[in-house]
C-alpha atoms as a PDB file:
ATOM      1  CA  MET A   1     -51.780  -1.805 -67.707  1.00  0.00           C
ATOM      2  CA  HIS A   2     -50.033  -1.543 -70.893  1.00  0.00           C
ATOM      3  CA  TYR A   3     -51.746   0.267 -73.776  1.00  0.00           C
ATOM      4  CA  ARG A   4     -50.766   0.153 -77.687  1.00  0.00           C
ATOM      5  CA  PRO A   5     -49.881   3.617 -78.903  1.00  0.00           C
ATOM      6  CA  THR A   6     -52.717   5.740 -80.718  1.00  0.00           C
ATOM      7  CA  ILE A   7     -52.330   6.493 -84.430  1.00  0.00           C
ATOM      8  CA  THR A   8     -53.960   9.886 -84.119  1.00  0.00           C
ATOM      9  CA  SER A   9     -52.031  13.190 -85.049  1.00  0.00           C
ATOM     10  CA  ARG A  10     -52.944  14.514 -81.590  1.00  0.00           C
ATOM     11  CA  ILE A  11     -53.000  11.393 -79.240  1.00  0.00           C
ATOM     12  CA  ALA A  12     -49.441  10.064 -79.506  1.00  0.00           C
ATOM     13  CA  GLY A  13     -47.940   7.541 -79.575  1.00  0.00           C
ATOM     14  CA  GLY A  14     -51.100  -2.093 -55.900  1.00  0.00           C
ATOM     15  CA  CYS A  15     -51.047  -3.408 -53.486  1.00  0.00           C
ATOM     16  CA  LEU A  16     -52.270  -1.774 -50.217  1.00  0.00           C
ATOM     17  CA  ALA A  17     -50.389  -1.602 -46.929  1.00  0.00           C
ATOM     18  CA  ALA A  18     -52.017  -3.888 -44.294  1.00  0.00           C
ATOM     19  CA  SER A  19     -51.530  -0.949 -41.803  1.00  0.00           C
ATOM     20  CA  CYS A  20     -53.557   1.666 -43.881  1.00  0.00           C
ATOM     21  CA  CYS A  21     -55.160   2.967 -40.699  1.00  0.00           C
ATOM     22  CA  LEU A  22     -51.931   3.757 -39.122  1.00  0.00           C
ATOM     23  CA  LEU A  23     -50.854   5.963 -42.472  1.00  0.00           C
ATOM     24  CA  ALA A  24     -50.309  10.006 -41.755  1.00  0.00           C
ATOM     25  CA  PRO A  25     -52.279  12.049 -43.523  1.00  0.00           C
ATOM     26  CA  SER A  26     -49.162  13.117 -45.600  1.00  0.00           C
ATOM     27  CA  ALA A  27     -48.940   9.305 -46.935  1.00  0.00           C
ATOM     28  CA  TYR A  28     -52.398   9.600 -48.489  1.00  0.00           C
ATOM     29  CA  ALA A  29     -51.263  11.664 -51.386  1.00  0.00           C
ATOM     30  CA  ALA A  30     -49.061   8.527 -52.793  1.00  0.00           C
ATOM     31  CA  ASP A  31     -51.865   5.552 -51.427  1.00  0.00           C
ATOM     32  CA  GLY A  32     -55.379   7.117 -52.475  1.00  0.00           C
ATOM     33  CA  LEU A  33     -56.565   3.340 -51.952  1.00  0.00           C
ATOM     34  CA  ALA A  34     -55.592   3.469 -48.637  1.00  0.00           C
ATOM     35  CA  LYS A  35     -57.472   6.537 -47.802  1.00  0.00           C
ATOM     36  CA  ILE A  36     -60.655   5.501 -49.679  1.00  0.00           C
ATOM     37  CA  LYS A  37     -60.728   2.043 -48.057  1.00  0.00           C
ATOM     38  CA  GLU A  38     -60.564   3.628 -44.378  1.00  0.00           C
ATOM     39  CA  THR A  39     -62.727   6.344 -44.907  1.00  0.00           C
ATOM     40  CA  ARG A  40     -65.060   3.890 -47.732  1.00  0.00           C
ATOM     41  CA  THR A  41     -65.382   7.564 -49.327  1.00  0.00           C
ATOM     42  CA  ILE A  42     -64.345   8.760 -52.824  1.00  0.00           C
ATOM     43  CA  THR A  43     -64.736  12.249 -53.701  1.00  0.00           C
ATOM     44  CA  ILE A  44     -65.927  13.467 -57.472  1.00  0.00           C
ATOM     45  CA  ALA A  45     -64.857  17.046 -58.585  1.00  0.00           C
ATOM     46  CA  TYR A  46     -67.535  17.857 -60.823  1.00  0.00           C
ATOM     47  CA  ARG A  47     -68.351  21.252 -63.240  1.00  0.00           C
ATOM     48  CA  GLU A  48     -71.760  22.941 -62.706  1.00  0.00           C
ATOM     49  CA  ALA A  49     -72.109  23.831 -66.319  1.00  0.00           C
ATOM     50  CA  SER A  50     -69.939  21.995 -68.851  1.00  0.00           C
ATOM     51  CA  LEU A  51     -72.608  20.180 -70.631  1.00  0.00           C
ATOM     52  CA  PRO A  52     -72.843  17.501 -71.548  1.00  0.00           C
ATOM     53  CA  PHE A  53     -69.566  16.338 -69.801  1.00  0.00           C
ATOM     54  CA  SER A  54     -70.495  17.457 -66.346  1.00  0.00           C
ATOM     55  CA  TYR A  55     -73.634  19.706 -64.934  1.00  0.00           C
ATOM     56  CA  TYR A  56     -76.584  20.030 -63.006  1.00  0.00           C
ATOM     57  CA  ASN A  57     -79.843  18.661 -63.744  1.00  0.00           C
ATOM     58  CA  ALA A  58     -82.718  20.116 -62.742  1.00  0.00           C
ATOM     59  CA  ASP A  59     -82.681  18.707 -59.277  1.00  0.00           C
ATOM     60  CA  LYS A  60     -79.004  20.592 -58.950  1.00  0.00           C
ATOM     61  CA  LYS A  61     -77.522  16.770 -59.313  1.00  0.00           C
ATOM     62  CA  PRO A  62     -74.447  16.091 -60.768  1.00  0.00           C
ATOM     63  CA  ILE A  63     -74.771  14.603 -64.250  1.00  0.00           C
ATOM     64  CA  GLY A  64     -72.667  14.114 -67.484  1.00  0.00           C
ATOM     65  CA  TYR A  65     -70.707  11.807 -69.699  1.00  0.00           C
ATOM     66  CA  ALA A  66     -67.783  12.188 -67.525  1.00  0.00           C
ATOM     67  CA  VAL A  67     -69.495  12.398 -64.210  1.00  0.00           C
ATOM     68  CA  GLU A  68     -71.071   8.654 -65.225  1.00  0.00           C
ATOM     69  CA  LEU A  69     -67.652   7.388 -66.642  1.00  0.00           C
ATOM     70  CA  CYS A  70     -66.734   8.386 -62.882  1.00  0.00           C
ATOM     71  CA  LEU A  71     -69.188   7.133 -61.167  1.00  0.00           C
ATOM     72  CA  LYS A  72     -67.735   3.380 -63.308  1.00  0.00           C
ATOM     73  CA  ILE A  73     -64.642   3.893 -62.014  1.00  0.00           C
ATOM     74  CA  ALA A  74     -65.999   4.259 -58.317  1.00  0.00           C
ATOM     75  CA  ASP A  75     -67.634   1.079 -58.787  1.00  0.00           C
ATOM     76  CA  ALA A  76     -64.195  -0.300 -59.677  1.00  0.00           C
ATOM     77  CA  VAL A  77     -62.529   0.559 -56.764  1.00  0.00           C
ATOM     78  CA  LYS A  78     -65.053  -0.384 -54.397  1.00  0.00           C
ATOM     79  CA  ARG A  79     -64.483  -3.720 -55.825  1.00  0.00           C
ATOM     80  CA  GLU A  80     -60.841  -3.711 -56.189  1.00  0.00           C
ATOM     81  CA  LEU A  81     -61.176  -2.759 -52.166  1.00  0.00           C
ATOM     82  CA  LYS A  82     -63.630  -5.482 -51.518  1.00  0.00           C
ATOM     83  CA  LEU A  83     -65.941  -3.068 -49.694  1.00  0.00           C
ATOM     84  CA  ASP A  84     -69.368  -3.680 -49.005  1.00  0.00           C
ATOM     85  CA  ARG A  85     -70.059   0.175 -49.504  1.00  0.00           C
ATOM     86  CA  LEU A  86     -68.767   3.058 -50.694  1.00  0.00           C
ATOM     87  CA  ASN A  87     -70.020   6.689 -50.173  1.00  0.00           C
ATOM     88  CA  VAL A  88     -69.543   8.903 -53.068  1.00  0.00           C
ATOM     89  CA  GLU A  89     -69.656  12.738 -52.594  1.00  0.00           C
ATOM     90  CA  PHE A  90     -69.102  15.449 -54.993  1.00  0.00           C
ATOM     91  CA  LEU A  91     -67.332  18.816 -54.878  1.00  0.00           C
ATOM     92  CA  ALA A  92     -68.383  21.480 -57.406  1.00  0.00           C
ATOM     93  CA  VAL A  93     -65.254  23.005 -59.081  1.00  0.00           C
ATOM     94  CA  THR A  94     -63.795  25.745 -61.245  1.00  0.00           C
ATOM     95  CA  PRO A  95     -61.543  26.203 -63.892  1.00  0.00           C
ATOM     96  CA  SER A  96     -59.582  27.698 -61.339  1.00  0.00           C
ATOM     97  CA  THR A  97     -59.936  25.173 -58.430  1.00  0.00           C
ATOM     98  CA  ARG A  98     -59.760  22.115 -60.181  1.00  0.00           C
ATOM     99  CA  ILE A  99     -56.216  21.523 -60.131  1.00  0.00           C
ATOM    100  CA  PRO A 100     -56.070  22.516 -56.701  1.00  0.00           C
ATOM    101  CA  ALA A 101     -58.839  20.227 -55.403  1.00  0.00           C
ATOM    102  CA  ILE A 102     -56.920  17.400 -56.851  1.00  0.00           C
ATOM    103  CA  VAL A 103     -53.390  18.310 -55.482  1.00  0.00           C
ATOM    104  CA  ASP A 104     -54.703  19.401 -52.241  1.00  0.00           C
ATOM    105  CA  GLY A 105     -56.635  15.807 -51.984  1.00  0.00           C
ATOM    106  CA  LYS A 106     -59.794  17.278 -51.559  1.00  0.00           C
ATOM    107  CA  ALA A 107     -61.170  15.255 -54.319  1.00  0.00           C
ATOM    108  CA  ASP A 108     -59.856  12.237 -55.777  1.00  0.00           C
ATOM    109  CA  LEU A 109     -61.141  12.129 -59.344  1.00  0.00           C
ATOM    110  CA  GLU A 110     -61.852  15.354 -61.372  1.00  0.00           C
ATOM    111  CA  CYS A 111     -64.985  14.288 -64.153  1.00  0.00           C
ATOM    112  CA  GLY A 112     -65.626  17.369 -66.550  1.00  0.00           C
ATOM    113  CA  SER A 113     -63.881  18.729 -69.581  1.00  0.00           C
ATOM    114  CA  THR A 114     -60.034  19.164 -68.808  1.00  0.00           C
ATOM    115  CA  THR A 115     -57.714  18.961 -71.536  1.00  0.00           C
ATOM    116  CA  ASN A 116     -54.197  16.911 -70.752  1.00  0.00           C
ATOM    117  CA  ASN A 117     -51.706  18.709 -71.140  1.00  0.00           C
ATOM    118  CA  ALA A 118     -47.777  18.967 -70.623  1.00  0.00           C
ATOM    119  CA  GLU A 119     -48.353  21.731 -68.507  1.00  0.00           C
ATOM    120  CA  ARG A 120     -51.111  20.398 -66.600  1.00  0.00           C
ATOM    121  CA  ARG A 121     -48.922  16.788 -66.193  1.00  0.00           C
ATOM    122  CA  LYS A 122     -46.514  18.322 -64.017  1.00  0.00           C
ATOM    123  CA  GLN A 123     -49.114  18.844 -61.589  1.00  0.00           C
ATOM    124  CA  VAL A 124     -51.828  16.057 -61.926  1.00  0.00           C
ATOM    125  CA  ALA A 125     -51.855  12.539 -63.606  1.00  0.00           C
ATOM    126  CA  PHE A 126     -54.367  11.936 -66.240  1.00  0.00           C
ATOM    127  CA  THR A 127     -56.137   8.822 -67.450  1.00  0.00           C
ATOM    128  CA  ILE A 128     -57.246   7.790 -70.990  1.00  0.00           C
ATOM    129  CA  PRO A 129     -59.210  10.379 -72.581  1.00  0.00           C
ATOM    130  CA  HIS A 130     -62.676  10.193 -72.860  1.00  0.00           C
ATOM    131  CA  PHE A 131     -63.114  12.911 -75.542  1.00  0.00           C
ATOM    132  CA  VAL A 132     -61.211  14.757 -78.228  1.00  0.00           C
ATOM    133  CA  ALA A 133     -62.281  18.160 -78.855  1.00  0.00           C
ATOM    134  CA  ALA A 134     -60.999  19.446 -82.268  1.00  0.00           C
ATOM    135  CA  ALA A 135     -61.466  23.239 -83.788  1.00  0.00           C
ATOM    136  CA  ARG A 136     -63.512  23.344 -86.692  1.00  0.00           C
ATOM    137  CA  MET A 137     -66.230  26.249 -87.631  1.00  0.00           C
ATOM    138  CA  VAL A 138     -69.925  26.564 -87.804  1.00  0.00           C
ATOM    139  CA  VAL A 139     -71.598  27.902 -91.008  1.00  0.00           C
ATOM    140  CA  ARG A 140     -75.073  28.300 -92.481  1.00  0.00           C
ATOM    141  CA  THR A 141     -76.154  24.851 -94.322  1.00  0.00           C
ATOM    142  CA  ASP A 142     -77.116  27.009 -97.364  1.00  0.00           C
ATOM    143  CA  SER A 143     -73.460  28.877 -97.369  1.00  0.00           C
ATOM    144  CA  GLY A 144     -71.857  26.033 -99.593  1.00  0.00           C
ATOM    145  CA  ILE A 145     -68.897  25.920 -97.129  1.00  0.00           C
ATOM    146  CA  THR A 146     -67.471  22.263 -95.993  1.00  0.00           C
ATOM    147  CA  ASN A 147     -63.756  23.344 -95.611  1.00  0.00           C
ATOM    148  CA  TRP A 148     -61.432  26.225 -94.930  1.00  0.00           C
ATOM    149  CA  SER A 149     -60.658  26.660 -98.534  1.00  0.00           C
ATOM    150  CA  ASP A 150     -64.152  27.458 -99.235  1.00  0.00           C
ATOM    151  CA  LEU A 151     -63.443  30.502 -96.754  1.00  0.00           C
ATOM    152  CA  ARG A 152     -61.625  32.620 -99.631  1.00  0.00           C
ATOM    153  CA  ASP A 153     -61.955  36.678 -98.739  1.00  0.00           C
ATOM    154  CA  LYS A 154     -64.714  35.812 -96.376  1.00  0.00           C
ATOM    155  CA  GLN A 155     -65.335  37.663 -93.352  1.00  0.00           C
ATOM    156  CA  VAL A 156     -65.184  35.554 -90.359  1.00  0.00           C
ATOM    157  CA  VAL A 157     -65.516  35.892 -86.418  1.00  0.00           C
ATOM    158  CA  THR A 158     -63.718  34.472 -83.544  1.00  0.00           C
ATOM    159  CA  THR A 159     -64.340  35.159 -80.023  1.00  0.00           C
ATOM    160  CA  LYS A 160     -62.505  37.958 -78.265  1.00  0.00           C
ATOM    161  CA  GLY A 161     -60.101  36.798 -76.147  1.00  0.00           C
ATOM    162  CA  THR A 162     -59.667  32.943 -77.399  1.00  0.00           C
ATOM    163  CA  THR A 163     -56.941  31.419 -78.907  1.00  0.00           C
ATOM    164  CA  THR A 164     -58.789  30.600 -82.343  1.00  0.00           C
ATOM    165  CA  VAL A 165     -57.140  33.503 -84.140  1.00  0.00           C
ATOM    166  CA  LYS A 166     -53.663  31.915 -83.283  1.00  0.00           C
ATOM    167  CA  LEU A 167     -55.081  28.783 -84.409  1.00  0.00           C
ATOM    168  CA  LEU A 168     -56.005  30.192 -87.677  1.00  0.00           C
ATOM    169  CA  ASN A 169     -52.667  32.429 -87.954  1.00  0.00           C
ATOM    170  CA  ASP A 170     -50.399  29.379 -87.431  1.00  0.00           C
ATOM    171  CA  ARG A 171     -51.314  27.242 -90.152  1.00  0.00           C
ATOM    172  CA  ASP A 172     -51.542  30.449 -92.436  1.00  0.00           C
ATOM    173  CA  LYS A 173     -55.114  30.266 -92.925  1.00  0.00           C
ATOM    174  CA  VAL A 174     -55.983  34.226 -92.340  1.00  0.00           C
ATOM    175  CA  ARG A 175     -53.155  35.741 -94.866  1.00  0.00           C
ATOM    176  CA  ALA A 176     -53.592  32.646 -97.455  1.00  0.00           C
ATOM    177  CA  LEU A 177     -57.527  33.032 -98.004  1.00  0.00           C
ATOM    178  CA  GLY A 178     -57.259  36.662 -97.306  1.00  0.00           C
ATOM    179  CA  LEU A 179     -59.865  36.301 -94.579  1.00  0.00           C
ATOM    180  CA  LYS A 180     -61.650  39.295 -92.769  1.00  0.00           C
ATOM    181  CA  LEU A 181     -61.699  38.711 -88.959  1.00  0.00           C
ATOM    182  CA  ILE A 182     -64.232  40.141 -86.693  1.00  0.00           C
ATOM    183  CA  GLU A 183     -64.896  39.654 -83.103  1.00  0.00           C
ATOM    184  CA  GLY A 184     -67.851  38.738 -80.982  1.00  0.00           C
ATOM    185  CA  ARG A 185     -67.890  39.426 -77.257  1.00  0.00           C
ATOM    186  CA  ASP A 186     -68.985  36.093 -76.356  1.00  0.00           C
ATOM    187  CA  HIS A 187     -69.542  32.792 -78.300  1.00  0.00           C
ATOM    188  CA  ALA A 188     -73.468  33.758 -77.966  1.00  0.00           C
ATOM    189  CA  GLU A 189     -72.748  36.735 -80.181  1.00  0.00           C
ATOM    190  CA  SER A 190     -70.298  35.029 -82.453  1.00  0.00           C
ATOM    191  CA  PHE A 191     -72.699  32.356 -83.302  1.00  0.00           C
ATOM    192  CA  SER A 192     -75.510  35.340 -83.727  1.00  0.00           C
ATOM    193  CA  MET A 193     -73.457  36.834 -86.205  1.00  0.00           C
ATOM    194  CA  VAL A 194     -73.153  33.628 -88.480  1.00  0.00           C
ATOM    195  CA  GLU A 195     -77.126  33.320 -87.923  1.00  0.00           C
ATOM    196  CA  LYS A 196     -77.835  36.691 -89.575  1.00  0.00           C
ATOM    197  CA  GLY A 197     -75.347  36.761 -92.144  1.00  0.00           C
ATOM    198  CA  GLN A 198     -72.745  38.836 -90.854  1.00  0.00           C
ATOM    199  CA  ALA A 199     -70.010  36.073 -90.554  1.00  0.00           C
ATOM    200  CA  ALA A 200     -69.596  33.581 -93.010  1.00  0.00           C
ATOM    201  CA  ALA A 201     -68.135  31.249 -90.280  1.00  0.00           C
ATOM    202  CA  PHE A 202     -67.385  30.608 -86.403  1.00  0.00           C
ATOM    203  CA  PRO A 203     -64.523  28.689 -85.868  1.00  0.00           C
ATOM    204  CA  MET A 204     -64.303  27.381 -82.218  1.00  0.00           C
ATOM    205  CA  ASP A 205     -64.168  23.891 -80.384  1.00  0.00           C
ATOM    206  CA  ASP A 206     -66.293  21.650 -82.335  1.00  0.00           C
ATOM    207  CA  VAL A 207     -68.223  20.316 -78.864  1.00  0.00           C
ATOM    208  CA  LEU A 208     -69.015  24.340 -78.202  1.00  0.00           C
ATOM    209  CA  LEU A 209     -70.429  24.856 -81.684  1.00  0.00           C
ATOM    210  CA  PHE A 210     -72.513  21.584 -81.692  1.00  0.00           C
ATOM    211  CA  GLY A 211     -74.092  22.905 -78.002  1.00  0.00           C
ATOM    212  CA  LEU A 212     -74.894  26.279 -79.515  1.00  0.00           C
ATOM    213  CA  ARG A 213     -76.159  24.759 -82.755  1.00  0.00           C
ATOM    214  CA  ALA A 214     -78.465  22.721 -80.597  1.00  0.00           C
ATOM    215  CA  ASN A 215     -79.831  25.732 -78.630  1.00  0.00           C
ATOM    216  CA  SER A 216     -80.507  27.771 -81.773  1.00  0.00           C
ATOM    217  CA  GLU A 217     -84.172  28.211 -82.728  1.00  0.00           C
ATOM    218  CA  ASN A 218     -83.303  26.373 -85.983  1.00  0.00           C
ATOM    219  CA  PRO A 219     -80.367  23.864 -85.818  1.00  0.00           C
ATOM    220  CA  SER A 220     -80.996  22.474 -89.451  1.00  0.00           C
ATOM    221  CA  ARG A 221     -79.867  25.793 -90.500  1.00  0.00           C
ATOM    222  CA  PHE A 222     -76.166  25.187 -89.366  1.00  0.00           C
ATOM    223  CA  ALA A 223     -73.652  22.578 -89.775  1.00  0.00           C
ATOM    224  CA  VAL A 224     -70.209  22.035 -88.464  1.00  0.00           C
ATOM    225  CA  VAL A 225     -67.496  21.548 -90.718  1.00  0.00           C
ATOM    226  CA  GLY A 226     -63.869  21.462 -92.013  1.00  0.00           C
ATOM    227  CA  ASP A 227     -60.682  19.632 -91.088  1.00  0.00           C
ATOM    228  CA  ALA A 228     -60.002  20.082 -87.328  1.00  0.00           C
ATOM    229  CA  LEU A 229     -57.488  22.580 -86.632  1.00  0.00           C
ATOM    230  CA  SER A 230     -56.310  21.302 -83.210  1.00  0.00           C
ATOM    231  CA  ALA A 231     -57.218  18.541 -81.151  1.00  0.00           C
ATOM    232  CA  GLU A 232     -57.734  18.857 -77.213  1.00  0.00           C
ATOM    233  CA  PRO A 233     -57.751  15.294 -75.398  1.00  0.00           C
ATOM    234  CA  TYR A 234     -60.324  15.722 -72.456  1.00  0.00           C
ATOM    235  CA  ALA A 235     -59.341  13.115 -69.874  1.00  0.00           C
ATOM    236  CA  ILE A 236     -60.486  12.156 -66.119  1.00  0.00           C
ATOM    237  CA  MET A 237     -57.896  14.101 -63.662  1.00  0.00           C
ATOM    238  CA  LEU A 238     -56.383  12.318 -60.488  1.00  0.00           C
ATOM    239  CA  ARG A 239     -53.372  12.803 -58.305  1.00  0.00           C
ATOM    240  CA  LYS A 240     -50.014  12.785 -59.695  1.00  0.00           C
ATOM    241  CA  ASP A 241     -47.469  10.068 -58.152  1.00  0.00           C
ATOM    242  CA  ASP A 242     -50.169   7.138 -56.884  1.00  0.00           C
ATOM    243  CA  PRO A 243     -49.390   4.324 -59.088  1.00  0.00           C
ATOM    244  CA  ALA A 244     -52.135   1.906 -57.364  1.00  0.00           C
ATOM    245  CA  PHE A 245     -54.980   4.227 -57.658  1.00  0.00           C
ATOM    246  CA  LYS A 246     -54.320   5.292 -61.442  1.00  0.00           C
ATOM    247  CA  ALA A 247     -53.628   1.392 -62.154  1.00  0.00           C
ATOM    248  CA  VAL A 248     -57.123   1.053 -60.618  1.00  0.00           C
ATOM    249  CA  VAL A 249     -58.529   4.064 -62.633  1.00  0.00           C
ATOM    250  CA  ASP A 250     -56.699   3.410 -66.073  1.00  0.00           C
ATOM    251  CA  ARG A 251     -57.902  -0.700 -66.162  1.00  0.00           C
ATOM    252  CA  GLU A 252     -61.527   0.316 -65.505  1.00  0.00           C
ATOM    253  CA  MET A 253     -61.099   3.185 -68.006  1.00  0.00           C
ATOM    254  CA  GLY A 254     -59.591   0.433 -70.521  1.00  0.00           C
ATOM    255  CA  ARG A 255     -62.124  -2.111 -69.796  1.00  0.00           C
ATOM    256  CA  ILE A 256     -65.140   0.688 -70.397  1.00  0.00           C
ATOM    257  CA  ILE A 257     -63.638   1.114 -73.676  1.00  0.00           C
ATOM    258  CA  ASN A 258     -62.144  -2.194 -74.839  1.00  0.00           C
ATOM    259  CA  ASP A 259     -66.127  -3.817 -73.828  1.00  0.00           C
ATOM    260  CA  GLY A 260     -67.729  -0.773 -75.624  1.00  0.00           C
ATOM    261  CA  GLU A 261     -69.710   0.701 -73.004  1.00  0.00           C
ATOM    262  CA  ILE A 262     -67.913   3.912 -74.250  1.00  0.00           C
ATOM    263  CA  TYR A 263     -70.021   3.852 -77.361  1.00  0.00           C
ATOM    264  CA  LYS A 264     -73.233   3.568 -75.362  1.00  0.00           C
ATOM    265  CA  LEU A 265     -72.460   6.164 -73.172  1.00  0.00           C
ATOM    266  CA  TYR A 266     -71.496   8.632 -76.144  1.00  0.00           C
ATOM    267  CA  ASP A 267     -74.497   8.137 -77.920  1.00  0.00           C
ATOM    268  CA  LYS A 268     -76.172   8.477 -74.535  1.00  0.00           C
ATOM    269  CA  TRP A 269     -75.016  12.260 -74.155  1.00  0.00           C
ATOM    270  CA  PHE A 270     -73.747  13.520 -77.577  1.00  0.00           C
ATOM    271  CA  LYS A 271     -76.827  11.624 -79.818  1.00  0.00           C
ATOM    272  CA  SER A 272     -79.850  11.553 -77.978  1.00  0.00           C
ATOM    273  CA  PRO A 273     -81.953  14.155 -75.845  1.00  0.00           C
ATOM    274  CA  ILE A 274     -80.489  14.771 -72.229  1.00  0.00           C
ATOM    275  CA  PRO A 275     -82.016  16.573 -69.182  1.00  0.00           C
ATOM    276  CA  PRO A 276     -82.945  18.909 -68.163  1.00  0.00           C
ATOM    277  CA  LYS A 277     -84.274  20.366 -71.351  1.00  0.00           C
ATOM    278  CA  GLY A 278     -84.071  17.302 -73.527  1.00  0.00           C
ATOM    279  CA  MET A 279     -81.499  19.111 -75.988  1.00  0.00           C
ATOM    280  CA  ASN A 280     -79.771  16.837 -78.318  1.00  0.00           C
ATOM    281  CA  MET A 281     -76.411  17.834 -79.242  1.00  0.00           C
ATOM    282  CA  ASN A 282     -76.748  15.572 -82.581  1.00  0.00           C
ATOM    283  CA  MET A 283     -72.824  15.158 -82.763  1.00  0.00           C
ATOM    284  CA  PRO A 284     -71.180  12.096 -84.277  1.00  0.00           C
ATOM    285  CA  ILE A 285     -67.944  10.683 -82.743  1.00  0.00           C
ATOM    286  CA  GLY A 286     -64.901  12.089 -84.616  1.00  0.00           C
ATOM    287  CA  HIS A 287     -62.301  10.368 -86.186  1.00  0.00           C
ATOM    288  CA  LEU A 288     -59.897  11.286 -83.459  1.00  0.00           C
ATOM    289  CA  LEU A 289     -61.772  10.160 -80.705  1.00  0.00           C
ATOM    290  CA  ARG A 290     -62.464   7.289 -82.624  1.00  0.00           C
ATOM    291  CA  ASP A 291     -59.045   6.463 -83.441  1.00  0.00           C
ATOM    292  CA  THR A 292     -58.070   7.082 -79.876  1.00  0.00           C
ATOM    293  CA  PHE A 293     -60.707   4.402 -78.638  1.00  0.00           C
ATOM    294  CA  ARG A 294     -59.152   1.957 -81.026  1.00  0.00           C
ATOM    295  CA  PHE A 295     -55.792   2.436 -79.430  1.00  0.00           C
ATOM    296  CA  PRO A 296     -56.369   3.232 -75.528  1.00  0.00           C
ATOM    297  CA  THR A 297     -53.534   5.322 -73.855  1.00  0.00           C
ATOM    298  CA  ASP A 298     -52.895   7.610 -71.151  1.00  0.00           C
ATOM    299  CA  LYS A 299     -50.502   9.047 -73.399  1.00  0.00           C
ATOM    300  CA  VAL A 300     -50.633  12.215 -75.781  1.00  0.00           C
ATOM    301  CA  GLY A 301     -48.498  14.241 -77.318  1.00  0.00           C
ATOM    302  CA  ASP A 302     -48.228  17.884 -76.903  1.00  0.00           C
END
């Protein structure tokens, strides 16, 4: 499947073997469709608390934006293989186990909030991104801050151990604006410092900021603002060097996007109340992601 190159700053520009039942296990690494056809099972790796992409509902069942996309891909695989039934099994993974789960063949798809980057592509493959996270900042709505230039000589909080300080320094924001940086132990404490007026802004991935805002006592008191300092394309992960399986995955992702289904899914998970507590992220689709959907491709820049 061929795609037109994207215009965003971050997003750059099969046949089954007839004797699949005779394939040795090692051959499955290069023929995921044969394995799925023989076992009539597809395994989806998921995250337990990567809201709203992949997480548990009240019944400990995996749900989320990325999980729903993977279930659509599973249906496409079932159609491709002309199976009367296809069992879907789930495998819980963490940031440290998600790549090995794909590399070792424990899962066919990893459905969460994993960034497609050059280092990871040495081990795994990715389909078309389903989300683009951008580094922005959360501020109080009464602060008058709308962009980075409004932070001149102000106190800004970053979470200890994150890469936000490097981003600010790389773009000369700290020195040029005279920022006074303080650190929070975790994201909750950093957000609390903005809430209490101890810091003017808290820069971080926007999707995390929208989640923190949604979970606050009064979300309307806060706004996520500022030009994007970075862009991280989240995409479904799959095995490397399995072109037939990847073609099916890419084709279905392309269909979901080109048919407009992706916008309905986005609204469901990012702009509406979601289980289990009815939290609403109230996160409008960003221009980077909108452009990615206009020109869908699995090729990303680094």
